[in-house]
Amino acid sequence: EIMQKQIDYCADHGIAFWAFDWYYPEGQNKTTPLNNALGLYLKAPNRQRLKFCLLVANHAGFRIGPKDWNTCCQKWIELFRQPTHLRLDGQPLLIFFSPEELQRAFGGVEGVRKALDSVRAKAKDAGLPGVAVAACTGPGGHLSNLARSGYTLLTGYNYNLGWQSGGGSQPFRKLIEGNERIVVGTNVFIPLPYVPVITAGWDRRPWEKGKLPPEKMSVWYPDRTPKLVEEFVRLGVRWLDKHPDKTTPQRLLLIYAWNENGEGGYLTPTAKDGTQYLKAVQRAITGDR
């Protein structure tokens, strides 16, 4: 019932899809409750209102390499076949959180290219037209390596400007300006279509307080408001308007995040704000005032 409500909240406010973090543990036990949300979504009777795709969270504890690759490919293809899976030009979208980890696992650019070729070949064997694969990244000369590795497009997870680097309390506008510089900086090097990311909040104090000394705690942005988030999303929409040659024909825009509540990046309704953040996003993407 809660999943149904969350789907309706998003669909009612103009959000088109969720990118579910998808986990494959490195240990012997390959099941994890971290994938429960996706399972609940797939059982929801109203899931047709909201598409989905996978963001493979291949970071520490969940790294994926050659020994697990074929098994993961089969699991992904099963999900690609779901009627609500997001597709770009008919191809299901698959996002990797860490292209760096994938490159380490497969021994370099050529190894990644062969791995991505293999998932596309398996998808075609399963009757799909291929797979659109995105890499989460930021600006820099390394982007040419991602193009040579066989990625279809580039995006990001979040640009929080201070994870585990200290910094204390900062104004939310600094987060907006920093993200804008990253997107503009990516333009300089961009060799592939780019999906901009809006980092709608960042505040890890619920997870870090009492566990890290103050000087090691992440920066946080406690003054965020629906109005500032709306302004932020409008910047992303304007980027799509100005750069149709640098993004996807589907004009994708990612927002971090739906429910990263422990990291301060969320749009979920709350007792304090109700649906004000969702309404702010809706105004921004529809152009309403």
C-alpha atoms as a PDB file:
ATOM      1  CA  GLU A   1       0.000   0.000   0.000  1.00  0.00           C
ATOM      2  CA  ILE A   2       2.867   2.387   0.765  1.00  0.00           C
ATOM      3  CA  MET A   3       4.500   1.648  -2.596  1.00  0.00           C
ATOM      4  CA  GLN A   4       1.208   2.348  -4.368  1.00  0.00           C
ATOM      5  CA  LYS A   5       1.013   5.728  -2.635  1.00  0.00           C
ATOM      6  CA  GLN A   6       4.581   6.598  -3.582  1.00  0.00           C
ATOM      7  CA  ILE A   7       3.968   5.735  -7.231  1.00  0.00           C
ATOM      8  CA  ASP A   8       0.855   7.895  -7.241  1.00  0.00           C
ATOM      9  CA  TYR A   9       2.678  10.793  -5.585  1.00  0.00           C
ATOM     10  CA  CYS A  10       5.289  10.774  -8.353  1.00  0.00           C
ATOM     11  CA  ALA A  11       2.931  10.216 -11.270  1.00  0.00           C
ATOM     12  CA  ASP A  12       0.529  12.883 -10.008  1.00  0.00           C
ATOM     13  CA  HIS A  13       3.363  15.425  -9.982  1.00  0.00           C
ATOM     14  CA  GLY A  14       4.851  14.794 -13.409  1.00  0.00           C
ATOM     15  CA  ILE A  15       7.714  12.454 -12.501  1.00  0.00           C
ATOM     16  CA  ALA A  16       8.113   9.844 -15.232  1.00  0.00           C
ATOM     17  CA  PHE A  17      10.363   7.125 -13.796  1.00  0.00           C
ATOM     18  CA  TRP A  18      12.477   5.887 -10.914  1.00  0.00           C
ATOM     19  CA  ALA A  19      16.066   4.705 -11.290  1.00  0.00           C
ATOM     20  CA  PHE A  20      16.267   2.005  -8.610  1.00  0.00           C
ATOM     21  CA  ASP A  21      19.628   1.417  -6.970  1.00  0.00           C
ATOM     22  CA  TRP A  22      20.302  -2.265  -7.713  1.00  0.00           C
ATOM     23  CA  TYR A  23      22.663  -4.314  -5.564  1.00  0.00           C
ATOM     24  CA  TYR A  24      24.491  -7.606  -6.087  1.00  0.00           C
ATOM     25  CA  PRO A  25      26.502  -8.467  -2.942  1.00  0.00           C
ATOM     26  CA  GLU A  26      30.100  -9.583  -3.272  1.00  0.00           C
ATOM     27  CA  GLY A  27      29.724 -12.284  -0.595  1.00  0.00           C
ATOM     28  CA  GLN A  28      28.255 -15.762  -0.845  1.00  0.00           C
ATOM     29  CA  ASN A  29      24.732 -14.567  -0.072  1.00  0.00           C
ATOM     30  CA  LYS A  30      23.563 -12.762  -3.188  1.00  0.00           C
ATOM     31  CA  THR A  31      20.222 -11.617  -1.827  1.00  0.00           C
ATOM     32  CA  THR A  32      19.851  -8.311   0.001  1.00  0.00           C
ATOM     33  CA  PRO A  33      16.937  -6.324   1.435  1.00  0.00           C
ATOM     34  CA  LEU A  34      18.357  -3.324  -0.424  1.00  0.00           C
ATOM     35  CA  ASN A  35      16.505  -4.611  -3.506  1.00  0.00           C
ATOM     36  CA  ASN A  36      13.154  -4.951  -1.698  1.00  0.00           C
ATOM     37  CA  ALA A  37      11.833  -1.618  -2.989  1.00  0.00           C
ATOM     38  CA  LEU A  38      12.160  -2.781  -6.594  1.00  0.00           C
ATOM     39  CA  GLY A  39      10.345  -5.994  -5.736  1.00  0.00           C
ATOM     40  CA  LEU A  40       7.501  -4.048  -4.142  1.00  0.00           C
ATOM     41  CA  TYR A  41       7.288  -1.763  -7.168  1.00  0.00           C
ATOM     42  CA  LEU A  42       6.987  -4.768  -9.504  1.00  0.00           C
ATOM     43  CA  LYS A  43       4.083  -6.088  -7.401  1.00  0.00           C
ATOM     44  CA  ALA A  44       2.258  -2.742  -7.253  1.00  0.00           C
ATOM     45  CA  PRO A  45      -1.049  -2.790  -9.164  1.00  0.00           C
ATOM     46  CA  ASN A  46      -0.501   0.817 -10.324  1.00  0.00           C
ATOM     47  CA  ARG A  47       3.115   0.411 -11.478  1.00  0.00           C
ATOM     48  CA  GLN A  48       2.115   1.231 -15.074  1.00  0.00           C
ATOM     49  CA  ARG A  49       1.877   4.868 -13.942  1.00  0.00           C
ATOM     50  CA  LEU A  50       5.659   5.089 -13.426  1.00  0.00           C
ATOM     51  CA  LYS A  51       8.446   3.558 -15.479  1.00  0.00           C
ATOM     52  CA  PHE A  52      11.679   2.287 -13.947  1.00  0.00           C
ATOM     53  CA  CYS A  53      15.260   1.471 -14.782  1.00  0.00           C
ATOM     54  CA  LEU A  54      18.266   0.122 -12.865  1.00  0.00           C
ATOM     55  CA  LEU A  55      21.203   2.012 -11.418  1.00  0.00           C
ATOM     56  CA  VAL A  56      23.762  -0.684 -10.647  1.00  0.00           C
ATOM     57  CA  ALA A  57      25.317   0.318  -7.298  1.00  0.00           C
ATOM     58  CA  ASN A  58      28.682  -1.309  -8.009  1.00  0.00           C
ATOM     59  CA  HIS A  59      30.574   0.256  -5.120  1.00  0.00           C
ATOM     60  CA  ALA A  60      32.321  -1.311  -2.124  1.00  0.00           C
ATOM     61  CA  GLY A  61      30.513  -4.447  -0.968  1.00  0.00           C
ATOM     62  CA  PHE A  62      28.642  -4.741  -4.262  1.00  0.00           C
ATOM     63  CA  ARG A  63      31.388  -4.656  -6.892  1.00  0.00           C
ATOM     64  CA  ILE A  64      30.669  -6.668 -10.024  1.00  0.00           C
ATOM     65  CA  GLY A  65      33.387  -8.303 -12.095  1.00  0.00           C
ATOM     66  CA  PRO A  66      33.899 -11.068 -14.660  1.00  0.00           C
ATOM     67  CA  LYS A  67      32.916 -13.974 -12.371  1.00  0.00           C
ATOM     68  CA  ASP A  68      29.442 -12.537 -11.728  1.00  0.00           C
ATOM     69  CA  TRP A  69      28.904 -10.781 -15.039  1.00  0.00           C
ATOM     70  CA  ASN A  70      26.897 -13.446 -16.886  1.00  0.00           C
ATOM     71  CA  THR A  71      24.621 -14.024 -13.883  1.00  0.00           C
ATOM     72  CA  CYS A  72      24.006 -10.294 -13.522  1.00  0.00           C
ATOM     73  CA  CYS A  73      23.321  -9.951 -17.235  1.00  0.00           C
ATOM     74  CA  GLN A  74      20.583 -12.581 -17.012  1.00  0.00           C
ATOM     75  CA  LYS A  75      19.026 -10.855 -13.979  1.00  0.00           C
ATOM     76  CA  TRP A  76      19.096  -7.493 -15.761  1.00  0.00           C
ATOM     77  CA  ILE A  77      17.556  -8.934 -18.926  1.00  0.00           C
ATOM     78  CA  GLU A  78      14.687 -10.421 -16.923  1.00  0.00           C
ATOM     79  CA  LEU A  79      13.979  -6.933 -15.610  1.00  0.00           C
ATOM     80  CA  PHE A  80      14.477  -5.320 -19.046  1.00  0.00           C
ATOM     81  CA  ARG A  81      11.527  -7.414 -20.252  1.00  0.00           C
ATOM     82  CA  GLN A  82       9.163  -5.812 -17.762  1.00  0.00           C
ATOM     83  CA  PRO A  83       6.601  -3.717 -19.667  1.00  0.00           C
ATOM     84  CA  THR A  84       7.281  -0.631 -17.528  1.00  0.00           C
ATOM     85  CA  HIS A  85      11.060  -0.675 -17.987  1.00  0.00           C
ATOM     86  CA  LEU A  86      12.302   2.654 -19.345  1.00  0.00           C
ATOM     87  CA  ARG A  87      13.643   2.435 -22.894  1.00  0.00           C
ATOM     88  CA  LEU A  88      15.596   4.852 -25.064  1.00  0.00           C
ATOM     89  CA  ASP A  89      14.859   4.274 -28.741  1.00  0.00           C
ATOM     90  CA  GLY A  90      13.572   0.837 -27.784  1.00  0.00           C
ATOM     91  CA  GLN A  91      16.648  -0.088 -25.741  1.00  0.00           C
ATOM     92  CA  PRO A  92      16.338  -0.600 -21.965  1.00  0.00           C
ATOM     93  CA  LEU A  93      18.425   1.860 -19.944  1.00  0.00           C
ATOM     94  CA  LEU A  94      21.072   0.506 -17.546  1.00  0.00           C
ATOM     95  CA  ILE A  95      23.085   2.946 -15.382  1.00  0.00           C
ATOM     96  CA  PHE A  96      26.368   2.174 -13.600  1.00  0.00           C
ATOM     97  CA  PHE A  97      27.149   4.068 -10.417  1.00  0.00           C
ATOM     98  CA  SER A  98      30.924   3.580 -10.706  1.00  0.00           C
ATOM     99  CA  PRO A  99      32.498   3.214 -14.148  1.00  0.00           C
ATOM    100  CA  GLU A 100      35.854   3.377 -12.329  1.00  0.00           C
ATOM    101  CA  GLU A 101      35.063   0.189 -10.391  1.00  0.00           C
ATOM    102  CA  LEU A 102      33.914  -1.498 -13.585  1.00  0.00           C
ATOM    103  CA  GLN A 103      37.149  -0.529 -15.327  1.00  0.00           C
ATOM    104  CA  ARG A 104      39.201  -1.916 -12.434  1.00  0.00           C
ATOM    105  CA  ALA A 105      37.192  -5.138 -12.433  1.00  0.00           C
ATOM    106  CA  PHE A 106      37.613  -5.720 -16.164  1.00  0.00           C
ATOM    107  CA  GLY A 107      41.201  -4.532 -16.468  1.00  0.00           C
ATOM    108  CA  GLY A 108      40.724  -1.359 -18.475  1.00  0.00           C
ATOM    109  CA  VAL A 109      38.808   0.261 -21.282  1.00  0.00           C
ATOM    110  CA  GLU A 110      38.931  -2.708 -23.647  1.00  0.00           C
ATOM    111  CA  GLY A 111      37.700  -5.113 -20.968  1.00  0.00           C
ATOM    112  CA  VAL A 112      34.715  -2.883 -20.181  1.00  0.00           C
ATOM    113  CA  ARG A 113      33.899  -2.532 -23.871  1.00  0.00           C
ATOM    114  CA  LYS A 114      33.813  -6.322 -24.245  1.00  0.00           C
ATOM    115  CA  ALA A 115      31.643  -6.660 -21.130  1.00  0.00           C
ATOM    116  CA  LEU A 116      29.139  -4.092 -22.413  1.00  0.00           C
ATOM    117  CA  ASP A 117      29.180  -5.726 -25.846  1.00  0.00           C
ATOM    118  CA  SER A 118      28.308  -9.016 -24.161  1.00  0.00           C
ATOM    119  CA  VAL A 119      25.273  -7.671 -22.275  1.00  0.00           C
ATOM    120  CA  ARG A 120      24.019  -6.111 -25.502  1.00  0.00           C
ATOM    121  CA  ALA A 121      24.505  -9.395 -27.364  1.00  0.00           C
ATOM    122  CA  LYS A 122      22.656 -11.323 -24.659  1.00  0.00           C
ATOM    123  CA  ALA A 123      19.832  -8.784 -24.787  1.00  0.00           C
ATOM    124  CA  LYS A 124      19.543  -9.204 -28.534  1.00  0.00           C
ATOM    125  CA  ASP A 125      19.484 -12.979 -28.120  1.00  0.00           C
ATOM    126  CA  ALA A 126      16.546 -12.396 -25.740  1.00  0.00           C
ATOM    127  CA  GLY A 127      14.675 -10.431 -28.411  1.00  0.00           C
ATOM    128  CA  LEU A 128      15.599  -6.924 -27.267  1.00  0.00           C
ATOM    129  CA  PRO A 129      17.188  -4.377 -29.631  1.00  0.00           C
ATOM    130  CA  GLY A 130      20.197  -3.849 -27.378  1.00  0.00           C
ATOM    131  CA  VAL A 131      20.932  -1.925 -24.161  1.00  0.00           C
ATOM    132  CA  ALA A 132      21.553   1.790 -23.590  1.00  0.00           C
ATOM    133  CA  VAL A 133      24.257   1.977 -20.922  1.00  0.00           C
ATOM    134  CA  ALA A 134      24.961   5.122 -18.891  1.00  0.00           C
ATOM    135  CA  ALA A 135      27.973   5.961 -16.722  1.00  0.00           C
ATOM    136  CA  CYS A 136      27.744   8.209 -13.656  1.00  0.00           C
ATOM    137  CA  THR A 137      30.595  10.684 -13.823  1.00  0.00           C
ATOM    138  CA  GLY A 138      31.688  14.311 -13.686  1.00  0.00           C
ATOM    139  CA  PRO A 139      33.735  16.629 -15.924  1.00  0.00           C
ATOM    140  CA  GLY A 140      37.270  15.809 -16.980  1.00  0.00           C
ATOM    141  CA  GLY A 141      39.453  14.416 -19.692  1.00  0.00           C
ATOM    142  CA  HIS A 142      38.591  10.860 -18.637  1.00  0.00           C
ATOM    143  CA  LEU A 143      35.262  11.123 -20.474  1.00  0.00           C
ATOM    144  CA  SER A 144      36.882  10.053 -23.742  1.00  0.00           C
ATOM    145  CA  ASN A 145      37.761   6.732 -22.071  1.00  0.00           C
ATOM    146  CA  LEU A 146      34.093   6.236 -21.186  1.00  0.00           C
ATOM    147  CA  ALA A 147      33.139   6.748 -24.820  1.00  0.00           C
ATOM    148  CA  ARG A 148      35.765   4.210 -25.915  1.00  0.00           C
ATOM    149  CA  SER A 149      34.503   1.802 -23.232  1.00  0.00           C
ATOM    150  CA  GLY A 150      31.193   1.518 -25.055  1.00  0.00           C
ATOM    151  CA  TYR A 151      28.833   3.589 -22.899  1.00  0.00           C
ATOM    152  CA  THR A 152      25.852   5.074 -24.707  1.00  0.00           C
ATOM    153  CA  LEU A 153      25.424   8.153 -22.544  1.00  0.00           C
ATOM    154  CA  LEU A 154      26.741   9.926 -19.445  1.00  0.00           C
ATOM    155  CA  THR A 155      25.010  11.127 -16.311  1.00  0.00           C
ATOM    156  CA  GLY A 156      25.703  11.431 -12.581  1.00  0.00           C
ATOM    157  CA  TYR A 157      24.388  10.125  -9.276  1.00  0.00           C
ATOM    158  CA  ASN A 158      24.698  13.328  -7.286  1.00  0.00           C
ATOM    159  CA  TYR A 159      27.115  16.239  -7.093  1.00  0.00           C
ATOM    160  CA  ASN A 160      27.127  17.025  -3.377  1.00  0.00           C
ATOM    161  CA  LEU A 161      30.392  19.029  -3.233  1.00  0.00           C
ATOM    162  CA  GLY A 162      31.664  17.565   0.000  1.00  0.00           C
ATOM    163  CA  TRP A 163      31.113  13.920   0.892  1.00  0.00           C
ATOM    164  CA  GLN A 164      33.498  13.017   3.719  1.00  0.00           C
ATOM    165  CA  SER A 165      35.618  16.080   3.014  1.00  0.00           C
ATOM    166  CA  GLY A 166      34.415  18.304   5.831  1.00  0.00           C
ATOM    167  CA  GLY A 167      32.935  21.713   5.311  1.00  0.00           C
ATOM    168  CA  GLY A 168      30.086  22.004   7.786  1.00  0.00           C
ATOM    169  CA  SER A 169      26.936  23.977   7.108  1.00  0.00           C
ATOM    170  CA  GLN A 170      26.711  25.706   3.725  1.00  0.00           C
ATOM    171  CA  PRO A 171      23.920  27.626   1.956  1.00  0.00           C
ATOM    172  CA  PHE A 172      21.846  25.571  -0.468  1.00  0.00           C
ATOM    173  CA  ARG A 173      22.524  28.139  -3.172  1.00  0.00           C
ATOM    174  CA  LYS A 174      26.170  27.082  -3.058  1.00  0.00           C
ATOM    175  CA  LEU A 175      25.039  23.556  -3.957  1.00  0.00           C
ATOM    176  CA  ILE A 176      23.042  24.935  -6.904  1.00  0.00           C
ATOM    177  CA  GLU A 177      25.970  27.003  -8.169  1.00  0.00           C
ATOM    178  CA  GLY A 178      28.428  24.152  -7.722  1.00  0.00           C
ATOM    179  CA  ASN A 179      26.219  21.734  -9.639  1.00  0.00           C
ATOM    180  CA  GLU A 180      25.785  24.295 -12.409  1.00  0.00           C
ATOM    181  CA  ARG A 181      29.571  24.579 -12.747  1.00  0.00           C
ATOM    182  CA  ILE A 182      29.878  20.791 -12.983  1.00  0.00           C
ATOM    183  CA  VAL A 183      27.274  20.552 -15.742  1.00  0.00           C
ATOM    184  CA  VAL A 184      28.870  23.442 -17.646  1.00  0.00           C
ATOM    185  CA  GLY A 185      32.295  21.863 -17.128  1.00  0.00           C
ATOM    186  CA  THR A 186      31.065  18.557 -18.477  1.00  0.00           C
ATOM    187  CA  ASN A 187      30.000  20.378 -21.661  1.00  0.00           C
ATOM    188  CA  VAL A 188      33.648  21.114 -22.423  1.00  0.00           C
ATOM    189  CA  PHE A 189      34.623  17.445 -22.605  1.00  0.00           C
ATOM    190  CA  ILE A 190      31.341  15.722 -23.389  1.00  0.00           C
ATOM    191  CA  PRO A 191      31.779  12.992 -26.055  1.00  0.00           C
ATOM    192  CA  LEU A 192      28.376  11.350 -25.504  1.00  0.00           C
ATOM    193  CA  PRO A 193      24.792  12.473 -24.780  1.00  0.00           C
ATOM    194  CA  TYR A 194      24.504  13.734 -21.208  1.00  0.00           C
ATOM    195  CA  VAL A 195      21.626  13.486 -18.731  1.00  0.00           C
ATOM    196  CA  PRO A 196      21.910  16.347 -16.207  1.00  0.00           C
ATOM    197  CA  VAL A 197      21.436  15.628 -12.511  1.00  0.00           C
ATOM    198  CA  ILE A 198      19.743  17.862  -9.967  1.00  0.00           C
ATOM    199  CA  THR A 199      21.081  17.237  -6.439  1.00  0.00           C
ATOM    200  CA  ALA A 200      17.930  18.174  -4.548  1.00  0.00           C
ATOM    201  CA  GLY A 201      19.582  18.017  -1.138  1.00  0.00           C
ATOM    202  CA  TRP A 202      22.548  16.724   0.842  1.00  0.00           C
ATOM    203  CA  ASP A 203      22.729  16.272   4.600  1.00  0.00           C
ATOM    204  CA  ARG A 204      24.272  13.076   5.956  1.00  0.00           C
ATOM    205  CA  ARG A 205      24.136  14.120   9.612  1.00  0.00           C
ATOM    206  CA  PRO A 206      21.544  11.419  10.436  1.00  0.00           C
ATOM    207  CA  TRP A 207      24.140   8.834   9.396  1.00  0.00           C
ATOM    208  CA  GLU A 208      27.344  10.564  10.479  1.00  0.00           C
ATOM    209  CA  LYS A 209      26.618  12.320  13.767  1.00  0.00           C
ATOM    210  CA  GLY A 210      28.155  10.387  16.638  1.00  0.00           C
ATOM    211  CA  LYS A 211      30.125   8.200  14.221  1.00  0.00           C
ATOM    212  CA  LEU A 212      32.527  10.745  12.726  1.00  0.00           C
ATOM    213  CA  PRO A 213      34.402  13.643  14.324  1.00  0.00           C
ATOM    214  CA  PRO A 214      33.041  17.055  13.247  1.00  0.00           C
ATOM    215  CA  GLU A 215      36.024  17.767  10.985  1.00  0.00           C
ATOM    216  CA  LYS A 216      35.316  14.566   9.015  1.00  0.00           C
ATOM    217  CA  MET A 217      31.579  15.076   8.604  1.00  0.00           C
ATOM    218  CA  SER A 218      30.220  15.909   5.184  1.00  0.00           C
ATOM    219  CA  VAL A 219      29.135  19.357   4.192  1.00  0.00           C
ATOM    220  CA  TRP A 220      25.386  19.897   4.600  1.00  0.00           C
ATOM    221  CA  TYR A 221      22.841  22.364   3.233  1.00  0.00           C
ATOM    222  CA  PRO A 222      20.171  22.901   5.889  1.00  0.00           C
ATOM    223  CA  ASP A 223      18.388  25.898   4.338  1.00  0.00           C
ATOM    224  CA  ARG A 224      16.925  24.124   1.307  1.00  0.00           C
ATOM    225  CA  THR A 225      13.340  25.067   0.485  1.00  0.00           C
ATOM    226  CA  PRO A 226      10.811  24.020  -2.173  1.00  0.00           C
ATOM    227  CA  LYS A 227      11.414  27.372  -3.895  1.00  0.00           C
ATOM    228  CA  LEU A 228      15.170  26.738  -4.169  1.00  0.00           C
ATOM    229  CA  VAL A 229      14.640  23.181  -5.416  1.00  0.00           C
ATOM    230  CA  GLU A 230      12.213  24.518  -8.025  1.00  0.00           C
ATOM    231  CA  GLU A 231      14.826  27.028  -9.170  1.00  0.00           C
ATOM    232  CA  PHE A 232      17.386  24.208  -9.353  1.00  0.00           C
ATOM    233  CA  VAL A 233      15.159  21.954 -11.475  1.00  0.00           C
ATOM    234  CA  ARG A 234      14.355  24.868 -13.800  1.00  0.00           C
ATOM    235  CA  LEU A 235      18.097  25.253 -14.417  1.00  0.00           C
ATOM    236  CA  GLY A 236      18.199  21.627 -15.543  1.00  0.00           C
ATOM    237  CA  VAL A 237      15.238  22.090 -17.865  1.00  0.00           C
ATOM    238  CA  ARG A 238      16.837  25.205 -19.371  1.00  0.00           C
ATOM    239  CA  TRP A 239      20.034  23.224 -19.981  1.00  0.00           C
ATOM    240  CA  LEU A 240      17.999  20.695 -21.962  1.00  0.00           C
ATOM    241  CA  ASP A 241      16.416  23.550 -23.936  1.00  0.00           C
ATOM    242  CA  LYS A 242      19.784  25.120 -24.756  1.00  0.00           C
ATOM    243  CA  HIS A 243      21.672  21.925 -25.583  1.00  0.00           C
ATOM    244  CA  PRO A 244      19.421  19.582 -27.595  1.00  0.00           C
ATOM    245  CA  ASP A 245      22.554  18.335 -29.385  1.00  0.00           C
ATOM    246  CA  LYS A 246      24.188  17.252 -26.115  1.00  0.00           C
ATOM    247  CA  THR A 247      21.398  15.323 -24.448  1.00  0.00           C
ATOM    248  CA  THR A 248      19.056  12.459 -25.246  1.00  0.00           C
ATOM    249  CA  PRO A 249      16.109  12.954 -27.633  1.00  0.00           C
ATOM    250  CA  GLN A 250      13.873  11.928 -24.699  1.00  0.00           C
ATOM    251  CA  ARG A 251      15.116  14.982 -22.706  1.00  0.00           C
ATOM    252  CA  LEU A 252      15.902  12.951 -19.609  1.00  0.00           C
ATOM    253  CA  LEU A 253      16.634  14.793 -16.372  1.00  0.00           C
ATOM    254  CA  LEU A 254      17.540  12.954 -13.168  1.00  0.00           C
ATOM    255  CA  ILE A 255      16.792  14.248  -9.679  1.00  0.00           C
ATOM    256  CA  TYR A 256      18.703  12.965  -6.658  1.00  0.00           C
ATOM    257  CA  ALA A 257      16.651  11.582  -5.037  1.00  0.00           C
ATOM    258  CA  TRP A 258      13.206  10.253  -4.271  1.00  0.00           C
ATOM    259  CA  ASN A 259      13.957   8.858  -0.813  1.00  0.00           C
ATOM    260  CA  GLU A 260      17.601   9.238   0.214  1.00  0.00           C
ATOM    261  CA  ASN A 261      16.232  10.601   3.491  1.00  0.00           C
ATOM    262  CA  GLY A 262      19.360   9.687   5.464  1.00  0.00           C
ATOM    263  CA  GLU A 263      21.442  11.754   3.043  1.00  0.00           C
ATOM    264  CA  GLY A 264      19.102  14.750   2.833  1.00  0.00           C
ATOM    265  CA  GLY A 265      18.265  14.150  -0.838  1.00  0.00           C
ATOM    266  CA  TYR A 266      14.554  13.441  -0.998  1.00  0.00           C
ATOM    267  CA  LEU A 267      11.251  14.559  -2.479  1.00  0.00           C
ATOM    268  CA  THR A 268       9.093  12.259  -0.374  1.00  0.00           C
ATOM    269  CA  PRO A 269       6.228  14.015   1.427  1.00  0.00           C
ATOM    270  CA  THR A 270       6.919  14.875   5.063  1.00  0.00           C
ATOM    271  CA  ALA A 271       4.895  15.971   8.071  1.00  0.00           C
ATOM    272  CA  LYS A 272       6.513  19.410   7.898  1.00  0.00           C
ATOM    273  CA  ASP A 273       6.382  20.160   4.167  1.00  0.00           C
ATOM    274  CA  GLY A 274       3.651  17.884   2.846  1.00  0.00           C
ATOM    275  CA  THR A 275       3.991  17.631  -0.945  1.00  0.00           C
ATOM    276  CA  GLN A 276       5.587  21.056  -1.403  1.00  0.00           C
ATOM    277  CA  TYR A 277       8.793  19.637  -2.910  1.00  0.00           C
ATOM    278  CA  LEU A 278       6.823  17.538  -5.380  1.00  0.00           C
ATOM    279  CA  LYS A 279       4.747  20.550  -6.363  1.00  0.00           C
ATOM    280  CA  ALA A 280       7.951  22.541  -6.841  1.00  0.00           C
ATOM    281  CA  VAL A 281       9.318  19.892  -9.214  1.00  0.00           C
ATOM    282  CA  GLN A 282       6.048  19.784 -11.115  1.00  0.00           C
ATOM    283  CA  ARG A 283       6.033  23.564 -11.622  1.00  0.00           C
ATOM    284  CA  ALA A 284       9.630  23.455 -12.812  1.00  0.00           C
ATOM    285  CA  ILE A 285       9.160  20.721 -15.396  1.00  0.00           C
ATOM    286  CA  THR A 286       5.843  22.061 -16.701  1.00  0.00           C
ATOM    287  CA  GLY A 287       6.965  25.692 -16.795  1.00  0.00           C
ATOM    288  CA  ASP A 288       4.188  26.828 -14.458  1.00  0.00           C
ATOM    289  CA  ARG A 289       4.698  29.660 -11.992  1.00  0.00           C
END
